[in-house]
Amino acid sequence: MSSSRQQNQATLFSGDISVTSANRKPSALTGSARKIKDNSADWHNLMLRWDKLNEDGFTAAASIVNMRRSLLLNDSSSPQSSSSPQQVGGDTELQDKCLVLQEVVDKMAVVVMKMERLMTTQRGIEDLEALQFGPKGRKVPLFHSWSTKEFGEASQVLLDAFRQELLLKQTILQEVAHTATSDLCMVFLSCWLHQPFIPTQTRLRLEALLLETGHRPL
């Protein structure tokens, strides 16, 4: 990962947020406020987990790309048959790296599944408040200014982004070891690194969520 990208992520995410740490207000939160604040911390920690997996996956994907490009070069320049010992050894190593990448993508799928559970919890909070306060919800904000519905909207933006990015990762996993050209190998690797479905605006949406719930100081 490029140093500038790592620095940007370090600025946005400075470590795990614990829901029992000193960032909680002296008066204990209860009910919807407590659950929404806990969910915000969980969003942050799941995104940290995702970023670590993305780094691990990039390392594995880079190894696959390097081996694939080497095999493509050998195929175009060597008269040896594809079943030669050298080729078989390369294919075995390539398969091992694909298994590593498969494991990373599987763990990413678990992260997204946990994000979906957070979204389900948020929808439950909204439904409960609709019963308590009517369709327009509570009149007094739980924290600074956001309505309960706005927490749901922010969470949905985050979930949609990571769902789309997971689909991209799964596509890269399926295709990267079977590319026909070196250029296509590099396209897949670049897509993995830069995560086009998780732009800076998405990460800033999480920061707004953390600010609103008091995990970040205003």
N, C-alpha and C. Protein backbone atom coordinates (compact mmCIF):
# COMPACT_ATOMS: atom_id res chain seq x y z
N MET A 1 0.84 -1.19 0.00
CA MET A 1 0.00 0.00 0.00
C MET A 1 0.88 1.24 0.00
N SER A 2 0.53 2.24 -0.75
CA SER A 2 1.31 3.45 -0.83
C SER A 2 1.33 4.16 0.51
N SER A 3 2.45 4.91 0.80
CA SER A 3 2.60 5.59 2.08
C SER A 3 1.54 6.65 2.28
N SER A 4 1.16 7.38 1.23
CA SER A 4 0.15 8.43 1.37
C SER A 4 -1.20 7.83 1.73
N ARG A 5 -1.54 6.70 1.13
CA ARG A 5 -2.81 6.06 1.44
C ARG A 5 -2.82 5.56 2.88
N GLN A 6 -1.70 5.00 3.34
CA GLN A 6 -1.61 4.55 4.72
C GLN A 6 -1.73 5.71 5.68
N GLN A 7 -1.12 6.86 5.36
CA GLN A 7 -1.20 8.02 6.22
C GLN A 7 -2.62 8.54 6.30
N ASN A 8 -3.34 8.53 5.16
CA ASN A 8 -4.72 8.98 5.16
C ASN A 8 -5.59 8.10 6.04
N GLN A 9 -5.38 6.80 5.95
CA GLN A 9 -6.16 5.89 6.77
C GLN A 9 -5.80 6.03 8.23
N ALA A 10 -4.52 6.28 8.53
CA ALA A 10 -4.11 6.48 9.92
C ALA A 10 -4.76 7.71 10.52
N THR A 11 -4.94 8.73 9.70
CA THR A 11 -5.60 9.95 10.17
C THR A 11 -7.06 9.68 10.50
N LEU A 12 -7.73 8.90 9.66
CA LEU A 12 -9.15 8.63 9.87
C LEU A 12 -9.37 7.59 10.95
N PHE A 13 -8.47 6.63 11.08
CA PHE A 13 -8.65 5.54 12.02
C PHE A 13 -7.42 5.42 12.90
N SER A 14 -7.55 5.84 14.15
CA SER A 14 -6.40 5.88 15.04
C SER A 14 -6.37 4.73 16.02
N GLY A 15 -7.12 3.67 15.73
CA GLY A 15 -7.10 2.50 16.59
C GLY A 15 -8.50 2.10 17.00
N ASP A 16 -8.59 0.90 17.62
CA ASP A 16 -9.89 0.40 18.04
C ASP A 16 -10.54 1.33 19.04
N ILE A 17 -11.86 1.46 18.92
CA ILE A 17 -12.65 2.20 19.88
C ILE A 17 -13.35 1.20 20.77
N SER A 18 -13.12 1.29 22.06
CA SER A 18 -13.78 0.41 23.00
C SER A 18 -15.01 1.10 23.55
N VAL A 19 -16.11 0.38 23.59
CA VAL A 19 -17.35 0.99 24.08
C VAL A 19 -17.35 1.13 25.59
N THR A 20 -16.31 0.62 26.26
CA THR A 20 -16.24 0.77 27.70
C THR A 20 -15.10 1.69 28.12
N SER A 21 -14.49 2.39 27.19
CA SER A 21 -13.34 3.23 27.49
C SER A 21 -13.78 4.59 28.00
N ALA A 22 -12.79 5.46 28.25
CA ALA A 22 -13.05 6.76 28.84
C ALA A 22 -13.77 7.71 27.91
N ASN A 23 -13.99 7.31 26.66
CA ASN A 23 -14.70 8.21 25.76
C ASN A 23 -16.20 8.24 26.02
N ARG A 24 -16.68 7.37 26.91
CA ARG A 24 -18.09 7.42 27.26
C ARG A 24 -18.33 8.56 28.23
N LYS A 25 -19.50 9.19 28.14
CA LYS A 25 -19.84 10.28 29.03
C LYS A 25 -19.99 9.76 30.46
N PRO A 26 -19.75 10.63 31.48
CA PRO A 26 -19.86 10.20 32.87
C PRO A 26 -21.20 9.55 33.19
N SER A 27 -22.31 10.12 32.69
CA SER A 27 -23.62 9.52 32.92
C SER A 27 -23.82 8.39 31.92
N ALA A 28 -24.11 7.18 32.44
CA ALA A 28 -24.20 6.01 31.58
C ALA A 28 -25.37 6.15 30.61
N LEU A 29 -25.11 5.86 29.35
CA LEU A 29 -26.16 5.90 28.34
C LEU A 29 -27.02 4.65 28.44
N THR A 30 -28.27 4.78 28.09
CA THR A 30 -29.16 3.65 28.13
C THR A 30 -30.02 3.64 26.87
N GLY A 31 -30.72 2.53 26.65
CA GLY A 31 -31.69 2.45 25.57
C GLY A 31 -31.08 2.65 24.20
N SER A 32 -31.80 3.42 23.36
CA SER A 32 -31.38 3.63 21.98
C SER A 32 -30.03 4.32 21.89
N ALA A 33 -29.79 5.30 22.76
CA ALA A 33 -28.53 6.03 22.71
C ALA A 33 -27.35 5.11 22.97
N ARG A 34 -27.47 4.24 23.93
CA ARG A 34 -26.40 3.30 24.25
C ARG A 34 -26.14 2.37 23.07
N LYS A 35 -27.21 1.84 22.48
CA LYS A 35 -27.04 0.89 21.40
C LYS A 35 -26.44 1.56 20.17
N ILE A 36 -26.88 2.76 19.85
CA ILE A 36 -26.35 3.46 18.68
C ILE A 36 -24.88 3.80 18.89
N LYS A 37 -24.51 4.21 20.10
CA LYS A 37 -23.10 4.52 20.35
C LYS A 37 -22.24 3.26 20.25
N ASP A 38 -22.76 2.16 20.79
CA ASP A 38 -22.03 0.89 20.68
C ASP A 38 -21.89 0.47 19.22
N ASN A 39 -22.96 0.63 18.45
CA ASN A 39 -22.90 0.29 17.03
C ASN A 39 -21.87 1.13 16.29
N SER A 40 -21.77 2.40 16.63
CA SER A 40 -20.79 3.28 15.98
C SER A 40 -19.38 2.79 16.23
N ALA A 41 -19.11 2.38 17.47
CA ALA A 41 -17.79 1.82 17.79
C ALA A 41 -17.54 0.54 17.02
N ASP A 42 -18.58 -0.28 16.89
CA ASP A 42 -18.44 -1.53 16.13
C ASP A 42 -18.16 -1.25 14.65
N TRP A 43 -18.82 -0.25 14.08
CA TRP A 43 -18.54 0.14 12.70
C TRP A 43 -17.06 0.49 12.53
N HIS A 44 -16.56 1.28 13.45
CA HIS A 44 -15.16 1.71 13.39
C HIS A 44 -14.22 0.51 13.45
N ASN A 45 -14.47 -0.38 14.41
CA ASN A 45 -13.58 -1.52 14.59
C ASN A 45 -13.65 -2.51 13.44
N LEU A 46 -14.83 -2.68 12.85
CA LEU A 46 -14.96 -3.55 11.68
C LEU A 46 -14.23 -2.97 10.47
N MET A 47 -14.26 -1.65 10.33
CA MET A 47 -13.54 -1.04 9.22
C MET A 47 -12.03 -1.14 9.42
N LEU A 48 -11.57 -1.07 10.67
CA LEU A 48 -10.15 -1.31 10.94
C LEU A 48 -9.78 -2.75 10.56
N ARG A 49 -10.64 -3.68 10.92
CA ARG A 49 -10.40 -5.08 10.58
C ARG A 49 -10.34 -5.26 9.07
N TRP A 50 -11.27 -4.62 8.36
CA TRP A 50 -11.29 -4.70 6.91
C TRP A 50 -9.98 -4.17 6.31
N ASP A 51 -9.51 -3.04 6.81
CA ASP A 51 -8.29 -2.45 6.26
C ASP A 51 -7.08 -3.35 6.47
N LYS A 52 -7.03 -4.04 7.61
CA LYS A 52 -5.93 -4.98 7.86
C LYS A 52 -6.03 -6.16 6.88
N LEU A 53 -7.23 -6.66 6.67
CA LEU A 53 -7.42 -7.75 5.71
C LEU A 53 -7.07 -7.29 4.30
N ASN A 54 -7.40 -6.04 3.97
CA ASN A 54 -7.07 -5.54 2.64
C ASN A 54 -5.56 -5.50 2.40
N GLU A 55 -4.81 -5.14 3.43
CA GLU A 55 -3.35 -5.16 3.32
C GLU A 55 -2.84 -6.58 3.12
N ASP A 56 -3.38 -7.51 3.93
CA ASP A 56 -2.96 -8.92 3.78
C ASP A 56 -3.32 -9.45 2.39
N GLY A 57 -4.50 -9.09 1.92
CA GLY A 57 -4.93 -9.54 0.61
C GLY A 57 -4.09 -8.96 -0.51
N PHE A 58 -3.70 -7.70 -0.35
CA PHE A 58 -2.86 -7.08 -1.37
C PHE A 58 -1.51 -7.80 -1.47
N THR A 59 -0.95 -8.18 -0.34
CA THR A 59 0.32 -8.91 -0.35
C THR A 59 0.17 -10.23 -1.10
N ALA A 60 -0.92 -10.94 -0.81
CA ALA A 60 -1.16 -12.22 -1.50
C ALA A 60 -1.44 -12.00 -2.98
N ALA A 61 -2.26 -11.00 -3.30
CA ALA A 61 -2.59 -10.72 -4.70
C ALA A 61 -1.35 -10.30 -5.49
N ALA A 62 -0.47 -9.53 -4.86
CA ALA A 62 0.76 -9.11 -5.53
C ALA A 62 1.64 -10.31 -5.87
N SER A 63 1.70 -11.27 -4.95
CA SER A 63 2.46 -12.49 -5.21
C SER A 63 1.86 -13.27 -6.37
N ILE A 64 0.53 -13.36 -6.41
CA ILE A 64 -0.14 -14.06 -7.50
C ILE A 64 0.14 -13.38 -8.83
N VAL A 65 0.04 -12.06 -8.84
CA VAL A 65 0.28 -11.30 -10.07
C VAL A 65 1.71 -11.49 -10.56
N ASN A 66 2.66 -11.45 -9.65
CA ASN A 66 4.06 -11.63 -10.04
C ASN A 66 4.30 -13.02 -10.63
N MET A 67 3.71 -14.02 -9.99
CA MET A 67 3.87 -15.38 -10.51
C MET A 67 3.14 -15.56 -11.83
N ARG A 68 1.96 -14.98 -11.93
CA ARG A 68 1.19 -15.10 -13.17
C ARG A 68 1.90 -14.42 -14.34
N ARG A 69 2.47 -13.27 -14.09
CA ARG A 69 3.21 -12.56 -15.15
C ARG A 69 4.44 -13.36 -15.56
N SER A 70 5.08 -13.99 -14.58
CA SER A 70 6.24 -14.82 -14.89
C SER A 70 5.85 -16.03 -15.74
N LEU A 71 4.72 -16.65 -15.39
CA LEU A 71 4.24 -17.80 -16.17
C LEU A 71 3.85 -17.38 -17.58
N LEU A 72 3.23 -16.22 -17.71
CA LEU A 72 2.86 -15.72 -19.04
C LEU A 72 4.10 -15.47 -19.88
N LEU A 73 5.15 -14.93 -19.25
CA LEU A 73 6.40 -14.66 -19.96
C LEU A 73 7.05 -15.96 -20.40
N ASN A 74 7.04 -16.96 -19.52
CA ASN A 74 7.63 -18.25 -19.87
C ASN A 74 6.86 -18.92 -21.00
N ASP A 75 5.54 -18.80 -20.96
CA ASP A 75 4.73 -19.42 -22.00
C ASP A 75 5.01 -18.82 -23.38
N SER A 76 5.30 -17.53 -23.38
CA SER A 76 5.50 -16.86 -24.66
C SER A 76 6.92 -16.99 -25.20
N SER A 77 7.86 -17.34 -24.30
CA SER A 77 9.26 -17.35 -24.74
C SER A 77 9.91 -18.73 -24.72
N SER A 78 9.26 -19.69 -24.05
CA SER A 78 9.90 -20.99 -23.90
C SER A 78 9.17 -22.05 -24.71
N PRO A 79 9.90 -22.94 -25.37
CA PRO A 79 9.28 -24.04 -26.12
C PRO A 79 8.86 -25.20 -25.23
N GLN A 80 9.15 -25.09 -23.89
CA GLN A 80 8.82 -26.18 -23.00
C GLN A 80 7.31 -26.38 -22.96
N SER A 81 6.88 -27.61 -22.74
CA SER A 81 5.46 -27.89 -22.62
C SER A 81 4.93 -27.39 -21.30
N SER A 82 3.63 -27.19 -21.22
CA SER A 82 3.02 -26.66 -20.01
C SER A 82 3.07 -27.64 -18.86
N SER A 83 3.38 -28.92 -19.15
CA SER A 83 3.42 -29.92 -18.08
C SER A 83 4.84 -30.19 -17.59
N SER A 84 5.81 -29.32 -17.95
CA SER A 84 7.18 -29.50 -17.50
C SER A 84 7.27 -29.33 -15.99
N PRO A 85 8.30 -29.92 -15.31
CA PRO A 85 8.43 -29.78 -13.86
C PRO A 85 8.44 -28.33 -13.41
N GLN A 86 9.11 -27.46 -14.16
CA GLN A 86 9.18 -26.06 -13.79
C GLN A 86 7.78 -25.43 -13.79
N GLN A 87 6.99 -25.77 -14.83
CA GLN A 87 5.65 -25.22 -14.93
C GLN A 87 4.75 -25.76 -13.82
N VAL A 88 4.85 -27.07 -13.55
CA VAL A 88 4.03 -27.68 -12.51
C VAL A 88 4.35 -27.08 -11.15
N GLY A 89 5.62 -26.85 -10.87
CA GLY A 89 6.01 -26.24 -9.61
C GLY A 89 5.46 -24.84 -9.46
N GLY A 90 5.50 -24.08 -10.56
CA GLY A 90 4.95 -22.73 -10.53
C GLY A 90 3.46 -22.73 -10.31
N ASP A 91 2.77 -23.67 -10.95
CA ASP A 91 1.32 -23.77 -10.78
C ASP A 91 0.95 -24.12 -9.33
N THR A 92 1.74 -24.98 -8.71
CA THR A 92 1.47 -25.38 -7.32
C THR A 92 1.63 -24.20 -6.38
N GLU A 93 2.69 -23.44 -6.58
CA GLU A 93 2.91 -22.26 -5.75
C GLU A 93 1.81 -21.23 -5.97
N LEU A 94 1.40 -21.09 -7.21
CA LEU A 94 0.32 -20.15 -7.52
C LEU A 94 -0.98 -20.56 -6.83
N GLN A 95 -1.26 -21.85 -6.83
CA GLN A 95 -2.45 -22.34 -6.17
C GLN A 95 -2.40 -22.07 -4.66
N ASP A 96 -1.24 -22.23 -4.07
CA ASP A 96 -1.09 -21.96 -2.62
C ASP A 96 -1.39 -20.50 -2.31
N LYS A 97 -0.91 -19.59 -3.14
CA LYS A 97 -1.16 -18.17 -2.93
C LYS A 97 -2.65 -17.85 -3.12
N CYS A 98 -3.29 -18.54 -4.05
CA CYS A 98 -4.72 -18.33 -4.26
C CYS A 98 -5.52 -18.77 -3.04
N LEU A 99 -5.07 -19.84 -2.39
CA LEU A 99 -5.74 -20.28 -1.17
C LEU A 99 -5.60 -19.25 -0.06
N VAL A 100 -4.44 -18.60 0.01
CA VAL A 100 -4.24 -17.53 1.00
C VAL A 100 -5.19 -16.38 0.72
N LEU A 101 -5.30 -16.00 -0.56
CA LEU A 101 -6.21 -14.91 -0.92
C LEU A 101 -7.66 -15.31 -0.66
N GLN A 102 -8.00 -16.57 -0.91
CA GLN A 102 -9.35 -17.06 -0.63
C GLN A 102 -9.69 -16.90 0.85
N GLU A 103 -8.73 -17.21 1.70
CA GLU A 103 -8.94 -17.08 3.14
C GLU A 103 -9.19 -15.63 3.53
N VAL A 104 -8.45 -14.71 2.92
CA VAL A 104 -8.64 -13.29 3.21
C VAL A 104 -10.03 -12.84 2.79
N VAL A 105 -10.45 -13.23 1.59
CA VAL A 105 -11.77 -12.82 1.09
C VAL A 105 -12.88 -13.42 1.96
N ASP A 106 -12.70 -14.65 2.41
CA ASP A 106 -13.69 -15.26 3.29
C ASP A 106 -13.83 -14.46 4.59
N LYS A 107 -12.72 -13.99 5.12
CA LYS A 107 -12.75 -13.18 6.35
C LYS A 107 -13.40 -11.83 6.08
N MET A 108 -13.18 -11.28 4.89
CA MET A 108 -13.85 -10.03 4.52
C MET A 108 -15.36 -10.23 4.46
N ALA A 109 -15.80 -11.39 3.97
CA ALA A 109 -17.22 -11.69 3.91
C ALA A 109 -17.83 -11.74 5.32
N VAL A 110 -17.06 -12.25 6.27
CA VAL A 110 -17.52 -12.28 7.65
C VAL A 110 -17.66 -10.86 8.20
N VAL A 111 -16.73 -9.98 7.85
CA VAL A 111 -16.81 -8.58 8.29
C VAL A 111 -18.09 -7.94 7.75
N VAL A 112 -18.38 -8.16 6.48
CA VAL A 112 -19.59 -7.59 5.89
C VAL A 112 -20.84 -8.18 6.54
N MET A 113 -20.81 -9.45 6.87
CA MET A 113 -21.94 -10.08 7.55
C MET A 113 -22.19 -9.41 8.90
N LYS A 114 -21.13 -9.09 9.62
CA LYS A 114 -21.27 -8.40 10.90
C LYS A 114 -21.80 -6.98 10.70
N MET A 115 -21.40 -6.33 9.61
CA MET A 115 -21.94 -5.02 9.29
C MET A 115 -23.44 -5.10 9.01
N GLU A 116 -23.87 -6.17 8.35
CA GLU A 116 -25.30 -6.36 8.08
C GLU A 116 -26.07 -6.52 9.38
N ARG A 117 -25.47 -7.17 10.36
CA ARG A 117 -26.12 -7.32 11.66
C ARG A 117 -26.27 -5.96 12.35
N LEU A 118 -25.25 -5.12 12.23
CA LEU A 118 -25.36 -3.77 12.78
C LEU A 118 -26.51 -3.02 12.13
N MET A 119 -26.66 -3.18 10.83
CA MET A 119 -27.74 -2.51 10.11
C MET A 119 -29.10 -3.03 10.58
N THR A 120 -29.19 -4.33 10.82
CA THR A 120 -30.44 -4.91 11.33
C THR A 120 -30.78 -4.34 12.69
N THR A 121 -29.78 -4.21 13.55
CA THR A 121 -29.99 -3.61 14.87
C THR A 121 -30.47 -2.17 14.75
N GLN A 122 -29.84 -1.42 13.85
CA GLN A 122 -30.23 -0.02 13.65
C GLN A 122 -31.69 0.08 13.19
N ARG A 123 -32.09 -0.78 12.27
CA ARG A 123 -33.47 -0.77 11.80
C ARG A 123 -34.43 -1.11 12.94
N GLY A 124 -34.01 -2.00 13.81
CA GLY A 124 -34.83 -2.34 14.96
C GLY A 124 -35.03 -1.15 15.88
N ILE A 125 -33.97 -0.37 16.08
CA ILE A 125 -34.07 0.84 16.90
C ILE A 125 -35.05 1.82 16.28
N GLU A 126 -34.96 1.98 14.97
CA GLU A 126 -35.87 2.90 14.27
C GLU A 126 -37.32 2.44 14.39
N ASP A 127 -37.56 1.14 14.26
CA ASP A 127 -38.92 0.62 14.37
C ASP A 127 -39.47 0.82 15.78
N LEU A 128 -38.62 0.61 16.77
CA LEU A 128 -39.05 0.79 18.16
C LEU A 128 -39.42 2.25 18.43
N GLU A 129 -38.60 3.17 17.93
CA GLU A 129 -38.89 4.57 18.17
C GLU A 129 -40.12 5.04 17.40
N ALA A 130 -40.38 4.43 16.26
CA ALA A 130 -41.60 4.76 15.53
C ALA A 130 -42.84 4.37 16.33
N LEU A 131 -42.74 3.26 17.06
CA LEU A 131 -43.84 2.85 17.93
C LEU A 131 -43.98 3.78 19.12
N GLN A 132 -42.84 4.23 19.66
CA GLN A 132 -42.86 5.06 20.85
C GLN A 132 -43.25 6.51 20.58
N PHE A 133 -42.74 7.04 19.46
CA PHE A 133 -42.88 8.47 19.21
C PHE A 133 -43.65 8.83 17.95
N GLY A 134 -44.06 7.82 17.18
CA GLY A 134 -44.78 8.08 15.95
C GLY A 134 -43.84 8.05 14.74
N PRO A 135 -44.39 8.16 13.53
CA PRO A 135 -43.59 8.05 12.30
C PRO A 135 -42.44 9.05 12.21
N LYS A 136 -42.57 10.22 12.80
CA LYS A 136 -41.52 11.24 12.72
C LYS A 136 -40.41 11.03 13.75
N GLY A 137 -40.59 10.07 14.65
CA GLY A 137 -39.55 9.78 15.62
C GLY A 137 -39.52 10.77 16.77
N ARG A 138 -38.49 10.65 17.59
CA ARG A 138 -38.35 11.51 18.76
C ARG A 138 -38.03 12.94 18.33
N LYS A 139 -38.47 13.90 19.12
CA LYS A 139 -38.24 15.31 18.80
C LYS A 139 -36.87 15.79 19.27
N VAL A 140 -36.36 15.22 20.37
CA VAL A 140 -35.07 15.63 20.92
C VAL A 140 -33.99 14.66 20.46
N PRO A 141 -32.91 15.13 19.84
CA PRO A 141 -31.83 14.23 19.37
C PRO A 141 -31.22 13.44 20.53
N LEU A 142 -30.79 12.22 20.23
CA LEU A 142 -30.13 11.39 21.23
C LEU A 142 -28.77 11.94 21.63
N PHE A 143 -28.09 12.61 20.68
CA PHE A 143 -26.75 13.11 20.95
C PHE A 143 -26.68 14.61 20.66
N HIS A 144 -26.14 15.00 19.52
CA HIS A 144 -25.97 16.42 19.21
C HIS A 144 -27.09 16.94 18.30
N SER A 145 -27.17 16.39 17.10
CA SER A 145 -28.15 16.94 16.15
C SER A 145 -28.83 15.90 15.28
N TRP A 146 -28.27 14.70 15.16
CA TRP A 146 -28.83 13.72 14.25
C TRP A 146 -30.10 13.09 14.80
N SER A 147 -31.03 12.82 13.90
CA SER A 147 -32.18 12.01 14.26
C SER A 147 -31.78 10.53 14.19
N THR A 148 -32.60 9.68 14.77
CA THR A 148 -32.31 8.25 14.71
C THR A 148 -32.27 7.76 13.27
N LYS A 149 -33.13 8.31 12.42
CA LYS A 149 -33.17 7.94 11.02
C LYS A 149 -31.85 8.27 10.32
N GLU A 150 -31.23 9.38 10.70
CA GLU A 150 -29.95 9.77 10.07
C GLU A 150 -28.84 8.78 10.41
N PHE A 151 -28.89 8.19 11.61
CA PHE A 151 -27.92 7.14 11.92
C PHE A 151 -28.11 5.95 10.99
N GLY A 152 -29.37 5.62 10.72
CA GLY A 152 -29.66 4.52 9.80
C GLY A 152 -29.20 4.82 8.40
N GLU A 153 -29.38 6.06 7.94
CA GLU A 153 -28.96 6.43 6.59
C GLU A 153 -27.45 6.35 6.46
N ALA A 154 -26.73 6.82 7.48
CA ALA A 154 -25.26 6.75 7.45
C ALA A 154 -24.79 5.31 7.44
N SER A 155 -25.42 4.48 8.24
CA SER A 155 -25.05 3.07 8.31
C SER A 155 -25.32 2.37 6.98
N GLN A 156 -26.41 2.73 6.32
CA GLN A 156 -26.75 2.10 5.04
C GLN A 156 -25.72 2.47 3.97
N VAL A 157 -25.25 3.70 3.98
CA VAL A 157 -24.20 4.12 3.04
C VAL A 157 -22.95 3.27 3.25
N LEU A 158 -22.56 3.08 4.50
CA LEU A 158 -21.37 2.28 4.80
C LEU A 158 -21.56 0.83 4.35
N LEU A 159 -22.71 0.25 4.67
CA LEU A 159 -22.96 -1.14 4.32
C LEU A 159 -22.97 -1.33 2.81
N ASP A 160 -23.64 -0.45 2.08
CA ASP A 160 -23.68 -0.57 0.62
C ASP A 160 -22.28 -0.52 0.02
N ALA A 161 -21.43 0.36 0.55
CA ALA A 161 -20.07 0.50 0.03
C ALA A 161 -19.27 -0.79 0.23
N PHE A 162 -19.36 -1.37 1.42
CA PHE A 162 -18.57 -2.57 1.70
C PHE A 162 -19.15 -3.80 1.01
N ARG A 163 -20.45 -3.84 0.81
CA ARG A 163 -21.02 -4.93 0.02
C ARG A 163 -20.47 -4.91 -1.40
N GLN A 164 -20.45 -3.73 -2.01
CA GLN A 164 -19.95 -3.61 -3.38
C GLN A 164 -18.46 -3.94 -3.45
N GLU A 165 -17.71 -3.49 -2.46
CA GLU A 165 -16.27 -3.76 -2.47
C GLU A 165 -16.00 -5.25 -2.29
N LEU A 166 -16.80 -5.91 -1.48
CA LEU A 166 -16.65 -7.36 -1.31
C LEU A 166 -16.89 -8.09 -2.62
N LEU A 167 -17.90 -7.68 -3.37
CA LEU A 167 -18.16 -8.29 -4.68
C LEU A 167 -16.96 -8.12 -5.61
N LEU A 168 -16.33 -6.94 -5.55
CA LEU A 168 -15.14 -6.72 -6.37
C LEU A 168 -14.01 -7.64 -5.94
N LYS A 169 -13.81 -7.76 -4.63
CA LYS A 169 -12.74 -8.64 -4.13
C LYS A 169 -12.99 -10.08 -4.59
N GLN A 170 -14.23 -10.51 -4.53
CA GLN A 170 -14.55 -11.88 -4.93
C GLN A 170 -14.29 -12.09 -6.43
N THR A 171 -14.57 -11.07 -7.22
CA THR A 171 -14.29 -11.15 -8.66
C THR A 171 -12.79 -11.23 -8.92
N ILE A 172 -12.03 -10.40 -8.22
CA ILE A 172 -10.57 -10.43 -8.37
C ILE A 172 -10.02 -11.80 -7.99
N LEU A 173 -10.53 -12.35 -6.89
CA LEU A 173 -10.09 -13.68 -6.45
C LEU A 173 -10.32 -14.71 -7.55
N GLN A 174 -11.46 -14.66 -8.20
CA GLN A 174 -11.79 -15.64 -9.23
C GLN A 174 -10.97 -15.49 -10.50
N GLU A 175 -10.56 -14.27 -10.80
CA GLU A 175 -9.97 -14.00 -12.11
C GLU A 175 -8.46 -13.77 -12.12
N VAL A 176 -7.90 -13.33 -10.99
CA VAL A 176 -6.52 -12.82 -11.03
C VAL A 176 -5.51 -13.89 -11.43
N ALA A 177 -5.77 -15.14 -11.09
CA ALA A 177 -4.81 -16.21 -11.43
C ALA A 177 -5.01 -16.77 -12.83
N HIS A 178 -6.00 -16.22 -13.56
CA HIS A 178 -6.31 -16.74 -14.90
C HIS A 178 -6.24 -15.66 -15.97
N THR A 179 -5.62 -14.56 -15.66
CA THR A 179 -5.55 -13.44 -16.61
C THR A 179 -4.71 -13.82 -17.82
N ALA A 180 -5.13 -13.26 -18.96
CA ALA A 180 -4.45 -13.59 -20.21
C ALA A 180 -3.30 -12.65 -20.53
N THR A 181 -3.26 -11.48 -19.86
CA THR A 181 -2.21 -10.51 -20.14
C THR A 181 -1.66 -9.92 -18.84
N SER A 182 -0.44 -9.44 -18.90
CA SER A 182 0.18 -8.80 -17.75
C SER A 182 -0.54 -7.52 -17.37
N ASP A 183 -1.02 -6.79 -18.38
CA ASP A 183 -1.72 -5.53 -18.10
C ASP A 183 -2.98 -5.78 -17.27
N LEU A 184 -3.70 -6.82 -17.58
CA LEU A 184 -4.91 -7.13 -16.83
C LEU A 184 -4.58 -7.53 -15.40
N CYS A 185 -3.46 -8.21 -15.22
CA CYS A 185 -2.99 -8.54 -13.87
C CYS A 185 -2.84 -7.27 -13.04
N MET A 186 -2.22 -6.26 -13.63
CA MET A 186 -1.96 -5.02 -12.90
C MET A 186 -3.25 -4.24 -12.63
N VAL A 187 -4.22 -4.37 -13.54
CA VAL A 187 -5.52 -3.72 -13.31
C VAL A 187 -6.19 -4.32 -12.07
N PHE A 188 -6.19 -5.64 -11.97
CA PHE A 188 -6.78 -6.30 -10.81
C PHE A 188 -6.06 -5.90 -9.53
N LEU A 189 -4.76 -5.85 -9.58
CA LEU A 189 -3.98 -5.50 -8.39
C LEU A 189 -4.26 -4.06 -7.95
N SER A 190 -4.35 -3.17 -8.92
CA SER A 190 -4.65 -1.77 -8.62
C SER A 190 -6.05 -1.63 -8.01
N CYS A 191 -7.01 -2.35 -8.55
CA CYS A 191 -8.37 -2.30 -8.01
C CYS A 191 -8.41 -2.80 -6.57
N TRP A 192 -7.66 -3.85 -6.30
CA TRP A 192 -7.62 -4.36 -4.92
C TRP A 192 -7.07 -3.28 -3.98
N LEU A 193 -6.00 -2.65 -4.37
CA LEU A 193 -5.35 -1.67 -3.50
C LEU A 193 -6.21 -0.45 -3.26
N HIS A 194 -6.77 0.11 -4.31
CA HIS A 194 -7.42 1.42 -4.20
C HIS A 194 -8.89 1.36 -3.79
N GLN A 195 -9.50 0.18 -3.79
CA GLN A 195 -10.86 0.00 -3.27
C GLN A 195 -11.82 1.08 -3.79
N PRO A 196 -12.17 1.05 -5.06
CA PRO A 196 -12.98 2.13 -5.65
C PRO A 196 -14.35 2.30 -5.03
N PHE A 197 -14.89 1.26 -4.38
CA PHE A 197 -16.22 1.39 -3.79
C PHE A 197 -16.18 1.92 -2.36
N ILE A 198 -14.97 2.17 -1.84
CA ILE A 198 -14.84 2.75 -0.50
C ILE A 198 -14.01 4.02 -0.61
N PRO A 199 -14.56 5.06 -1.18
CA PRO A 199 -13.82 6.32 -1.33
C PRO A 199 -13.67 7.05 -0.01
N THR A 200 -12.92 8.12 -0.02
CA THR A 200 -12.69 8.91 1.19
C THR A 200 -14.01 9.41 1.78
N GLN A 201 -14.98 9.74 0.91
CA GLN A 201 -16.26 10.24 1.42
C GLN A 201 -16.95 9.21 2.31
N THR A 202 -16.79 7.93 1.98
CA THR A 202 -17.39 6.88 2.81
C THR A 202 -16.75 6.85 4.18
N ARG A 203 -15.45 6.99 4.23
CA ARG A 203 -14.74 6.98 5.50
C ARG A 203 -15.07 8.23 6.31
N LEU A 204 -15.27 9.33 5.63
CA LEU A 204 -15.66 10.55 6.33
C LEU A 204 -17.06 10.41 6.92
N ARG A 205 -17.91 9.61 6.28
CA ARG A 205 -19.24 9.36 6.82
C ARG A 205 -19.13 8.66 8.18
N LEU A 206 -18.19 7.73 8.29
CA LEU A 206 -17.96 7.08 9.58
C LEU A 206 -17.46 8.09 10.61
N GLU A 207 -16.56 8.98 10.19
CA GLU A 207 -16.04 9.99 11.13
C GLU A 207 -17.17 10.87 11.65
N ALA A 208 -18.11 11.22 10.78
CA ALA A 208 -19.26 12.01 11.22
C ALA A 208 -20.09 11.23 12.24
N LEU A 209 -20.22 9.93 12.02
CA LEU A 209 -20.94 9.08 12.95
C LEU A 209 -20.26 9.05 14.32
N LEU A 210 -18.93 8.96 14.29
CA LEU A 210 -18.18 8.94 15.55
C LEU A 210 -18.23 10.27 16.27
N LEU A 211 -18.20 11.36 15.53
CA LEU A 211 -18.32 12.68 16.13
C LEU A 211 -19.69 12.86 16.78
N GLU A 212 -20.73 12.47 16.08
CA GLU A 212 -22.09 12.65 16.57
C GLU A 212 -22.33 11.87 17.86
N THR A 213 -21.74 10.67 17.96
CA THR A 213 -21.97 9.82 19.14
C THR A 213 -20.96 10.04 20.25
N GLY A 214 -20.03 10.97 20.07
CA GLY A 214 -19.10 11.32 21.15
C GLY A 214 -17.83 10.49 21.19
N HIS A 215 -17.63 9.60 20.22
CA HIS A 215 -16.39 8.84 20.18
C HIS A 215 -15.21 9.71 19.74
N ARG A 216 -15.50 10.76 19.01
CA ARG A 216 -14.50 11.74 18.63
C ARG A 216 -14.90 13.09 19.25
N PRO A 217 -13.94 13.86 19.75
CA PRO A 217 -14.28 15.16 20.31
C PRO A 217 -14.66 16.17 19.23
N LEU A 218 -15.66 16.97 19.50
CA LEU A 218 -16.07 17.99 18.55
C LEU A 218 -15.09 19.16 18.59
